[in-house]
Amino acid sequence: MGPTPCRSPAARHARAETNIAVDARPAVTRTAGAAAAQRAVDAPNLAMLTDACEAAGVGLGAYDRRILAWLAGWEPATCAVLAGIIRRAGGGAS
């Protein structure tokens, strides 16, 4: 197998224009807005879960923090239950 041929400057420019056009579509814009709204909900959930871990004496590594960030995407009620379980497991009050 030989090296992969490079795209011409015109082909690279057309690809960039296509990406810009896709990013401007209403569905893509709505998705980006939904992601921003989700992050606004995630922040208090993440704080709740992190505080519960600290109260329970759980040391958090980088991977643990990534998983907590993922869990923070769940509904606030679900995060509150998880935070309560973590606190109780550590001997703290719920």
Foldseek 3Di string as FASTA:
>chain_A
DDDDDDDDPVVVVVVVVVVVVVCPDPVNVVVVVVVVVLVVQLVVLLVLQVVLCVLLVHDDDPVNSVVSSVVSSDHSVVSNVVSCVSNVVSVHHD
